[in-house]
Amino acid sequence: MIWGLLIASLVVLLLLGVPIGVALGATAFLLIEAFVGGSFQLAVTATWNTFNSFTLTAVSAFIVLGEVLLASGLTSRIYASVLPLFQRFPGKLMHTNVAVGALFGSVSGTSLATAAAVGSVAYPQLAERGYPKGSVVGLLAASGTLGIILPPSLILVIYGATQDVSVGRLFLAGLIPGMFLAGAFMIYIVIRAKLSAKWLPESTETSTWQETILALVGLWPIAVLMMAVLGTIYLGVATPTEAAALGAFATVVMGFAFGTLTFKRLLEALTKSVVSFGTIALIMVGAAMLTQVISILGLPMQLTTLVAEMSLGKYTVFLAVAVIYLVLGCFFDGLSVMLMTLPLTFPMMMAAGFDPVWYGIAVTILIEIGMITPPVGINLFVLSAISRGQVSVAEASRETLPYWAIMLACLGIFTAFPEIITFLPNWIMN
């Protein structure tokens, strides 16, 4: 009865086009009225607990950091610094999309900001040089997903805060998988360039090693931000929340001093940050209310008991969870999927014997895949818009399929060898 009402309410509300946060909250109220005696105080407590979390205040600071970085014009400087490095490699400038996506993602914390910032700079330059537009957009969409696994990741901050997992450990855990994925993308580009000689245009652009090294000096803004955000956390100088605020402040200063940031652009970036945080906050409140009710009704324990009685292996349980995420990722954004499902999947995965830090990275990768999965793959729409309609969402979807498969294959490797994820946090923080 409870499960039926829970599922039916969510499905009906979402099909009616109700915002996800409202749908989650309304379902929570329905379950409260039906099974908990109408205890309105539960909803109030859940909302208060959500916004009274010190760690979660980092979310707003990371959003500001990403938006200001996008508005500052520093991305153009970073992209120009990386260009000469890859002119000698098979695949040439296509590698710059992956490298800059990883670098930008390592300070912005969001996939959307990474895809938009790198895409707005890279697409015009590569299109002008005759690179296949569909391939460029597909790779930019996939590279943008690196922004939510490489620290500091907004998704990992929210996962850690809501599931009581160390954000510092999660940040460390995301480093090797993020670089692993970036390396896998680059290997695919090399193989495709070798097998298809006509895939990319001939290029006569060359740079000496001296010119290349001098150009790489232009990456210093990234180094400053990484030190401000990640360095302060791991040196024990700042909490993730304080580091996020310091990173946002450093971005504003560098944007004015060395970028093209103006007070008008700063105001626009701050306005976009408020809107973005408002959207996320609504989802978080609805999810928190539903989580509270689900916990009181004992649904996670029921699900865990059912899985135990079925004697399913731990990897079978994870496979079922992965399929759920992949299906839901076709229709909802990653944050919504995570907050909707964690109240049920997290206790189930912990009961199956998985490490909470490992599961956080696995969930993040599944969310990454959703970012480039139609019909709601947000990165596809962002990059298609940046191309001004020259590349359709359908074409972008086709071009991202190889990267979709690569991410899924990498997740399989991380499942078979979980130490790839857990080694760094266990080594440094134990």
Protein backbone atom coordinates (compact mmCIF):
# COMPACT_ATOMS: atom_id res chain seq x y z
CA MET A 1 0.00 0.00 0.00
CA ILE A 2 2.73 2.47 1.03
CA TRP A 3 4.97 1.58 -1.92
CA GLY A 4 2.07 1.83 -4.34
CA LEU A 5 1.02 5.27 -3.09
CA LEU A 6 4.65 6.50 -3.13
CA ILE A 7 5.32 5.40 -6.69
CA ALA A 8 1.88 6.41 -8.03
CA SER A 9 2.10 9.89 -6.52
CA LEU A 10 5.57 10.58 -7.95
CA VAL A 11 4.70 9.22 -11.40
CA VAL A 12 1.43 11.16 -11.69
CA LEU A 13 2.90 14.45 -10.46
CA LEU A 14 5.95 14.22 -12.70
CA LEU A 15 3.85 13.29 -15.75
CA LEU A 16 1.72 16.36 -15.05
CA GLY A 17 4.86 18.48 -15.30
CA VAL A 18 5.03 19.43 -11.63
CA PRO A 19 8.57 20.61 -10.66
CA ILE A 20 10.56 17.76 -9.15
CA GLY A 21 11.06 19.46 -5.78
CA VAL A 22 7.33 20.14 -5.47
CA ALA A 23 6.50 16.57 -6.53
CA LEU A 24 8.81 15.14 -3.86
CA GLY A 25 7.39 17.44 -1.16
CA ALA A 26 3.77 16.80 -2.16
CA THR A 27 4.37 13.04 -2.06
CA ALA A 28 5.89 13.44 1.41
CA PHE A 29 2.81 15.34 2.62
CA LEU A 30 0.53 12.68 1.14
CA LEU A 31 2.39 9.90 2.95
CA ILE A 32 2.39 11.97 6.16
CA GLU A 33 -1.38 12.40 6.02
CA ALA A 34 -2.04 8.79 5.07
CA PHE A 35 0.36 6.91 7.35
CA VAL A 36 1.96 9.20 9.95
CA GLY A 37 -1.12 10.89 11.35
CA GLY A 38 -0.60 14.19 9.58
CA SER A 39 2.48 15.28 11.51
CA PHE A 40 3.24 18.58 9.79
CA GLN A 41 6.15 19.10 12.20
CA LEU A 42 8.09 16.40 10.31
CA ALA A 43 8.19 18.56 7.20
CA VAL A 44 9.30 21.59 9.20
CA THR A 45 12.07 19.60 10.91
CA ALA A 46 13.30 18.16 7.60
CA THR A 47 13.46 21.61 6.01
CA TRP A 48 15.29 23.09 8.99
CA ASN A 49 17.82 20.23 9.06
CA THR A 50 18.50 20.66 5.35
CA PHE A 51 19.39 24.34 5.50
CA ASN A 52 21.01 24.18 8.94
CA SER A 53 23.87 22.06 7.58
CA PHE A 54 27.19 23.95 7.59
CA THR A 55 28.60 21.72 4.84
CA LEU A 56 25.67 22.40 2.52
CA THR A 57 26.39 26.12 2.60
CA ALA A 58 29.34 25.25 0.34
CA VAL A 59 26.85 24.53 -2.43
CA SER A 60 25.96 28.19 -2.94
CA ALA A 61 29.65 29.22 -2.86
CA PHE A 62 30.61 26.63 -5.48
CA ILE A 63 27.75 27.77 -7.71
CA VAL A 64 28.99 31.38 -7.44
CA LEU A 65 32.54 30.22 -8.21
CA GLY A 66 31.42 28.43 -11.38
CA GLU A 67 29.21 31.27 -12.62
CA VAL A 68 31.84 33.97 -11.99
CA LEU A 69 34.54 31.84 -13.63
CA LEU A 70 32.25 31.48 -16.64
CA ALA A 71 31.69 35.25 -16.78
CA SER A 72 35.32 36.22 -16.13
CA GLY A 73 36.76 35.36 -19.54
CA LEU A 74 39.58 33.36 -17.91
CA THR A 75 38.49 30.27 -19.86
CA SER A 76 39.85 31.76 -23.09
CA ARG A 77 43.27 32.26 -21.46
CA ILE A 78 43.26 28.69 -20.14
CA TYR A 79 42.23 27.22 -23.50
CA ALA A 80 44.91 29.19 -25.40
CA SER A 81 47.53 27.92 -22.95
CA VAL A 82 46.73 24.28 -23.66
CA LEU A 83 46.39 24.50 -27.48
CA PRO A 84 50.10 24.17 -28.39
CA LEU A 85 50.59 21.09 -26.22
CA PHE A 86 48.45 18.74 -28.30
CA GLN A 87 49.38 19.81 -31.84
CA ARG A 88 51.83 16.88 -32.11
CA PHE A 89 49.44 14.13 -30.97
CA PRO A 90 47.04 12.08 -33.12
CA GLY A 91 43.68 13.75 -32.62
CA LYS A 92 45.44 17.10 -32.25
CA LEU A 93 43.24 19.88 -30.88
CA MET A 94 40.38 17.52 -29.97
CA HIS A 95 42.47 16.65 -26.91
CA THR A 96 42.28 20.25 -25.73
CA ASN A 97 38.54 19.82 -25.09
CA VAL A 98 39.24 16.98 -22.66
CA ALA A 99 42.20 18.67 -20.99
CA VAL A 100 40.47 22.03 -20.49
CA GLY A 101 37.25 20.28 -19.45
CA ALA A 102 39.20 18.46 -16.73
CA LEU A 103 41.07 21.61 -15.66
CA PHE A 104 37.97 23.79 -15.60
CA GLY A 105 35.96 21.07 -13.90
CA SER A 106 38.61 20.79 -11.20
CA VAL A 107 37.70 24.27 -9.96
CA SER A 108 34.12 24.93 -11.10
CA GLY A 109 32.49 21.87 -9.53
CA THR A 110 29.57 21.70 -11.98
CA SER A 111 29.09 19.94 -15.30
CA LEU A 112 26.85 22.63 -16.76
CA ALA A 113 29.35 25.44 -16.10
CA THR A 114 32.20 23.32 -17.50
CA ALA A 115 30.34 22.43 -20.70
CA ALA A 116 29.17 26.02 -21.25
CA ALA A 117 32.50 27.69 -20.48
CA VAL A 118 34.74 25.34 -22.46
CA GLY A 119 32.22 24.96 -25.27
CA SER A 120 31.79 28.69 -25.80
CA VAL A 121 35.56 29.03 -26.32
CA ALA A 122 36.45 25.73 -28.00
CA TYR A 123 33.60 25.27 -30.48
CA PRO A 124 34.18 28.46 -32.53
CA GLN A 125 37.94 27.85 -32.69
CA LEU A 126 37.71 24.22 -33.79
CA ALA A 127 34.80 24.82 -36.19
CA GLU A 128 36.81 27.61 -37.84
CA ARG A 129 39.74 25.22 -38.29
CA GLY A 130 37.49 22.72 -40.11
CA TYR A 131 37.06 20.15 -37.35
CA PRO A 132 33.83 18.09 -37.67
CA LYS A 133 31.23 20.07 -35.75
CA GLY A 134 29.23 17.08 -34.52
CA SER A 135 32.35 15.37 -33.16
CA VAL A 136 33.45 18.58 -31.42
CA VAL A 137 30.07 19.04 -29.74
CA GLY A 138 29.86 15.37 -28.72
CA LEU A 139 33.30 15.47 -27.12
CA LEU A 140 32.61 18.80 -25.39
CA ALA A 141 29.38 17.41 -23.92
CA ALA A 142 31.20 14.34 -22.60
CA SER A 143 34.20 16.32 -21.31
CA GLY A 144 31.84 18.64 -19.46
CA THR A 145 30.79 15.74 -17.26
CA LEU A 146 34.29 15.67 -15.74
CA GLY A 147 33.24 18.75 -13.77
CA ILE A 148 31.13 16.68 -11.37
CA ILE A 149 33.65 13.99 -10.50
CA LEU A 150 36.91 15.94 -10.25
CA PRO A 151 37.05 17.88 -6.98
CA PRO A 152 35.54 20.18 -5.92
CA SER A 153 32.31 18.57 -7.09
CA LEU A 154 28.92 20.03 -6.24
CA ILE A 155 27.34 16.58 -6.48
CA LEU A 156 29.90 15.12 -4.06
CA VAL A 157 29.33 17.98 -1.58
CA ILE A 158 25.58 17.29 -1.57
CA TYR A 159 26.09 13.52 -1.41
CA GLY A 160 28.51 13.85 1.50
CA ALA A 161 26.32 16.29 3.42
CA THR A 162 23.07 14.32 2.99
CA GLN A 163 24.58 10.88 3.67
CA ASP A 164 27.04 11.97 6.37
CA VAL A 165 30.13 10.99 4.37
CA SER A 166 33.39 12.97 4.58
CA VAL A 167 33.50 15.51 1.74
CA GLY A 168 37.29 15.60 1.96
CA ARG A 169 37.48 11.84 1.39
CA LEU A 170 35.02 12.10 -1.49
CA PHE A 171 37.10 14.83 -3.14
CA LEU A 172 40.23 12.68 -2.89
CA ALA A 173 38.33 9.65 -4.18
CA GLY A 174 37.26 11.56 -7.30
CA LEU A 175 40.79 12.45 -8.43
CA ILE A 176 41.99 9.14 -9.89
CA PRO A 177 38.64 8.15 -11.52
CA GLY A 178 38.35 11.65 -13.03
CA MET A 179 41.83 11.46 -14.55
CA PHE A 180 41.15 7.86 -15.59
CA LEU A 181 38.06 8.95 -17.52
CA ALA A 182 39.88 11.88 -19.13
CA GLY A 183 42.69 9.53 -20.18
CA ALA A 184 40.18 7.05 -21.61
CA PHE A 185 38.57 9.81 -23.69
CA MET A 186 41.98 10.81 -25.05
CA ILE A 187 42.89 7.22 -25.91
CA TYR A 188 39.65 6.90 -27.87
CA ILE A 189 40.45 10.11 -29.77
CA VAL A 190 43.92 8.77 -30.68
CA ILE A 191 42.49 5.44 -31.87
CA ARG A 192 39.76 7.10 -33.93
CA ALA A 193 42.25 9.53 -35.48
CA LYS A 194 44.56 6.63 -36.40
CA LEU A 195 41.77 4.51 -37.90
CA SER A 196 40.05 7.35 -39.78
CA ALA A 197 42.58 9.55 -41.54
CA LYS A 198 39.88 11.86 -42.90
CA TRP A 199 38.13 12.40 -39.56
CA LEU A 200 40.10 15.53 -38.74
CA PRO A 201 41.45 18.23 -41.06
CA GLU A 202 45.13 18.50 -41.98
CA SER A 203 46.90 21.07 -39.85
CA THR A 204 50.18 22.92 -40.37
CA GLU A 205 50.10 24.58 -36.94
CA THR A 206 53.22 23.78 -34.95
CA SER A 207 54.88 25.15 -31.86
CA THR A 208 58.34 24.63 -30.47
CA TRP A 209 58.69 23.02 -27.08
CA GLN A 210 59.85 26.36 -25.72
CA GLU A 211 56.66 28.04 -27.02
CA THR A 212 54.58 25.21 -25.59
CA ILE A 213 56.12 25.51 -22.13
CA LEU A 214 55.75 29.30 -22.15
CA ALA A 215 52.09 28.92 -23.14
CA LEU A 216 51.46 26.51 -20.24
CA VAL A 217 52.45 29.29 -17.85
CA GLY A 218 49.05 30.76 -18.70
CA LEU A 219 47.44 28.01 -16.62
CA TRP A 220 48.40 29.79 -13.39
CA PRO A 221 44.78 30.93 -12.66
CA ILE A 222 43.78 27.26 -12.41
CA ALA A 223 46.71 26.56 -10.08
CA VAL A 224 45.71 29.49 -7.86
CA LEU A 225 42.09 28.31 -7.65
CA MET A 226 43.08 24.70 -6.99
CA MET A 227 45.29 25.88 -4.14
CA ALA A 228 42.55 28.15 -2.80
CA VAL A 229 39.92 25.40 -2.86
CA LEU A 230 41.63 22.02 -2.60
CA GLY A 231 44.95 23.04 -1.07
CA THR A 232 43.34 24.74 1.91
CA ILE A 233 41.13 21.72 2.57
CA TYR A 234 43.94 19.15 2.55
CA LEU A 235 46.34 21.38 4.48
CA GLY A 236 43.69 21.57 7.19
CA VAL A 237 43.45 25.34 6.88
CA ALA A 238 39.80 25.48 5.80
CA THR A 239 36.63 23.42 5.76
CA PRO A 240 35.02 22.68 2.36
CA THR A 241 32.59 25.54 3.00
CA GLU A 242 35.35 28.04 3.79
CA ALA A 243 37.42 26.80 0.84
CA ALA A 244 34.46 27.28 -1.51
CA ALA A 245 34.01 30.86 -0.31
CA LEU A 246 37.75 31.53 -0.70
CA GLY A 247 37.68 30.08 -4.22
CA ALA A 248 34.72 32.28 -5.18
CA PHE A 249 36.51 35.37 -3.80
CA ALA A 250 39.73 34.48 -5.67
CA THR A 251 37.77 34.03 -8.90
CA VAL A 252 36.22 37.49 -8.55
CA VAL A 253 39.63 39.09 -7.89
CA MET A 254 41.33 37.35 -10.85
CA GLY A 255 38.34 38.02 -13.09
CA PHE A 256 38.66 41.77 -12.51
CA ALA A 257 42.47 41.85 -12.53
CA PHE A 258 43.31 39.48 -15.40
CA GLY A 259 40.02 38.59 -17.11
CA THR A 260 37.16 40.51 -18.64
CA LEU A 261 34.91 40.58 -15.58
CA THR A 262 32.92 43.78 -15.06
CA PHE A 263 30.48 44.79 -12.34
CA LYS A 264 27.62 44.18 -14.77
CA ARG A 265 28.86 40.66 -15.56
CA LEU A 266 29.44 40.00 -11.88
CA LEU A 267 25.87 41.02 -11.07
CA GLU A 268 24.56 38.77 -13.85
CA ALA A 269 26.68 35.87 -12.54
CA LEU A 270 25.40 36.39 -9.00
CA THR A 271 21.81 36.55 -10.26
CA LYS A 272 22.27 33.27 -12.14
CA SER A 273 23.81 31.77 -9.00
CA VAL A 274 20.75 32.69 -6.94
CA VAL A 275 18.41 31.15 -9.52
CA SER A 276 20.52 27.98 -9.72
CA PHE A 277 20.70 27.61 -5.95
CA GLY A 278 16.95 28.25 -5.65
CA THR A 279 16.29 25.40 -8.08
CA ILE A 280 18.62 23.07 -6.20
CA ALA A 281 17.25 24.15 -2.81
CA LEU A 282 13.67 23.36 -3.84
CA ILE A 283 14.70 19.85 -4.87
CA MET A 284 16.71 19.39 -1.68
CA VAL A 285 13.79 20.46 0.55
CA GLY A 286 11.37 18.12 -1.22
CA ALA A 287 13.88 15.28 -1.07
CA ALA A 288 14.62 15.92 2.62
CA MET A 289 10.91 15.81 3.49
CA LEU A 290 10.41 12.59 1.55
CA THR A 291 13.55 11.08 3.10
CA GLN A 292 12.26 11.84 6.59
CA VAL A 293 8.89 10.22 5.92
CA ILE A 294 10.43 7.20 4.16
CA SER A 295 12.76 6.68 7.11
CA ILE A 296 9.93 6.89 9.65
CA LEU A 297 7.85 4.41 7.65
CA GLY A 298 10.80 2.00 7.59
CA LEU A 299 10.87 1.61 3.82
CA PRO A 300 14.70 1.40 3.52
CA MET A 301 14.72 -1.40 6.10
CA GLN A 302 11.94 -3.21 4.24
CA LEU A 303 13.87 -2.96 0.99
CA THR A 304 17.12 -4.09 2.61
CA THR A 305 15.37 -7.04 4.25
CA LEU A 306 13.78 -8.01 0.93
CA VAL A 307 17.15 -7.95 -0.83
CA ALA A 308 18.68 -10.04 1.98
CA GLU A 309 15.87 -12.61 1.74
CA MET A 310 16.39 -12.88 -2.02
CA SER A 311 20.06 -13.73 -1.36
CA LEU A 312 21.27 -11.48 -4.14
CA GLY A 313 25.00 -10.98 -4.53
CA LYS A 314 26.38 -7.51 -3.84
CA TYR A 315 27.23 -6.95 -7.50
CA THR A 316 23.75 -8.02 -8.58
CA VAL A 317 22.35 -5.40 -6.21
CA PHE A 318 24.65 -2.75 -7.68
CA LEU A 319 23.71 -3.78 -11.23
CA ALA A 320 20.04 -3.28 -10.39
CA VAL A 321 20.80 0.13 -8.86
CA ALA A 322 22.88 1.12 -11.90
CA VAL A 323 20.05 0.20 -14.27
CA ILE A 324 17.64 2.33 -12.22
CA TYR A 325 20.01 5.32 -12.47
CA LEU A 326 20.55 4.85 -16.20
CA VAL A 327 16.80 4.69 -16.87
CA LEU A 328 15.96 7.66 -14.64
CA GLY A 329 18.87 9.59 -16.18
CA CYS A 330 17.01 9.53 -19.49
CA PHE A 331 14.25 11.68 -18.02
CA PHE A 332 15.58 13.67 -15.04
CA ASP A 333 18.65 15.73 -14.21
CA GLY A 334 21.36 14.05 -12.16
CA LEU A 335 20.85 15.93 -8.90
CA SER A 336 17.14 15.14 -8.88
CA VAL A 337 17.80 11.46 -9.54
CA MET A 338 20.37 11.29 -6.77
CA LEU A 339 18.22 13.00 -4.15
CA MET A 340 15.14 10.95 -5.12
CA THR A 341 16.92 7.61 -4.91
CA LEU A 342 19.55 7.87 -2.16
CA PRO A 343 17.08 7.40 0.73
CA LEU A 344 16.46 3.90 -0.60
CA THR A 345 19.61 2.94 -2.51
CA PHE A 346 22.20 4.15 0.04
CA PRO A 347 21.11 1.88 2.96
CA MET A 348 20.62 -0.98 0.52
CA MET A 349 24.14 -0.61 -0.91
CA MET A 350 25.66 -0.24 2.56
CA ALA A 351 23.87 -3.41 3.68
CA ALA A 352 25.27 -5.17 0.60
CA GLY A 353 28.77 -4.32 1.82
CA PHE A 354 29.84 -1.38 -0.36
CA ASP A 355 32.04 1.46 0.85
CA PRO A 356 30.10 4.77 1.15
CA VAL A 357 32.93 6.75 -0.48
CA TRP A 358 33.14 4.28 -3.36
CA TYR A 359 29.37 4.41 -3.83
CA GLY A 360 29.46 8.21 -3.94
CA ILE A 361 31.87 8.11 -6.89
CA ALA A 362 29.87 5.36 -8.60
CA VAL A 363 26.65 7.38 -8.28
CA THR A 364 28.46 10.44 -9.65
CA ILE A 365 29.61 8.52 -12.73
CA LEU A 366 26.07 7.24 -13.30
CA ILE A 367 24.88 10.84 -13.07
CA GLU A 368 27.61 11.84 -15.55
CA ILE A 369 26.23 9.34 -18.01
CA GLY A 370 22.76 10.84 -17.56
CA MET A 371 24.14 14.28 -18.47
CA ILE A 372 24.72 13.05 -22.04
CA THR A 373 21.75 10.68 -22.32
CA PRO A 374 18.76 11.91 -24.36
CA PRO A 375 16.07 13.09 -24.11
CA VAL A 376 17.04 15.17 -21.04
CA GLY A 377 20.86 15.12 -21.30
CA ILE A 378 21.38 18.75 -20.32
CA ASN A 379 24.93 18.97 -21.72
CA LEU A 380 23.62 18.03 -25.17
CA PHE A 381 21.19 20.95 -25.17
CA VAL A 382 23.80 23.39 -23.86
CA LEU A 383 26.36 22.51 -26.54
CA SER A 384 23.75 22.39 -29.29
CA ALA A 385 22.73 25.92 -28.30
CA ILE A 386 26.36 27.07 -28.30
CA SER A 387 26.71 25.76 -31.87
CA ARG A 388 23.72 27.99 -32.76
CA GLY A 389 21.81 25.08 -34.24
CA GLN A 390 24.65 23.92 -36.49
CA VAL A 391 24.66 20.65 -34.54
CA SER A 392 21.30 19.19 -33.55
CA VAL A 393 20.69 17.48 -30.22
CA ALA A 394 20.14 14.20 -32.12
CA GLU A 395 23.53 14.48 -33.84
CA ALA A 396 25.21 15.43 -30.56
CA SER A 397 23.61 12.35 -28.96
CA ARG A 398 25.04 10.06 -31.64
CA GLU A 399 28.50 11.56 -31.24
CA THR A 400 28.46 11.08 -27.46
CA LEU A 401 27.62 7.36 -27.68
CA PRO A 402 31.29 6.24 -27.65
CA TYR A 403 31.97 8.34 -24.55
CA TRP A 404 28.78 7.00 -22.94
CA ALA A 405 30.14 3.47 -23.50
CA ILE A 406 33.60 4.47 -22.22
CA MET A 407 32.14 5.82 -18.96
CA LEU A 408 30.10 2.67 -18.49
CA ALA A 409 33.17 0.50 -19.14
CA CYS A 410 35.23 2.56 -16.69
CA LEU A 411 32.52 2.13 -14.05
CA GLY A 412 32.80 -1.63 -14.61
CA ILE A 413 36.57 -1.40 -14.02
CA PHE A 414 36.06 0.64 -10.85
CA THR A 415 33.56 -1.97 -9.64
CA ALA A 416 35.98 -4.83 -10.30
CA PHE A 417 38.87 -2.90 -8.73
CA PRO A 418 37.36 -0.59 -6.07
CA GLU A 419 40.83 0.30 -4.78
CA ILE A 420 41.18 2.66 -7.76
CA ILE A 421 38.65 4.86 -5.97
CA THR A 422 39.36 4.13 -2.32
CA PHE A 423 43.20 4.01 -2.39
CA LEU A 424 43.88 7.77 -2.25
CA PRO A 425 41.47 8.72 0.57
CA ASN A 426 42.49 5.65 2.61
CA TRP A 427 46.17 6.45 2.13
CA ILE A 428 46.04 10.18 2.87
CA MET A 429 43.26 10.45 5.46
CA ASN A 430 43.70 7.26 7.49
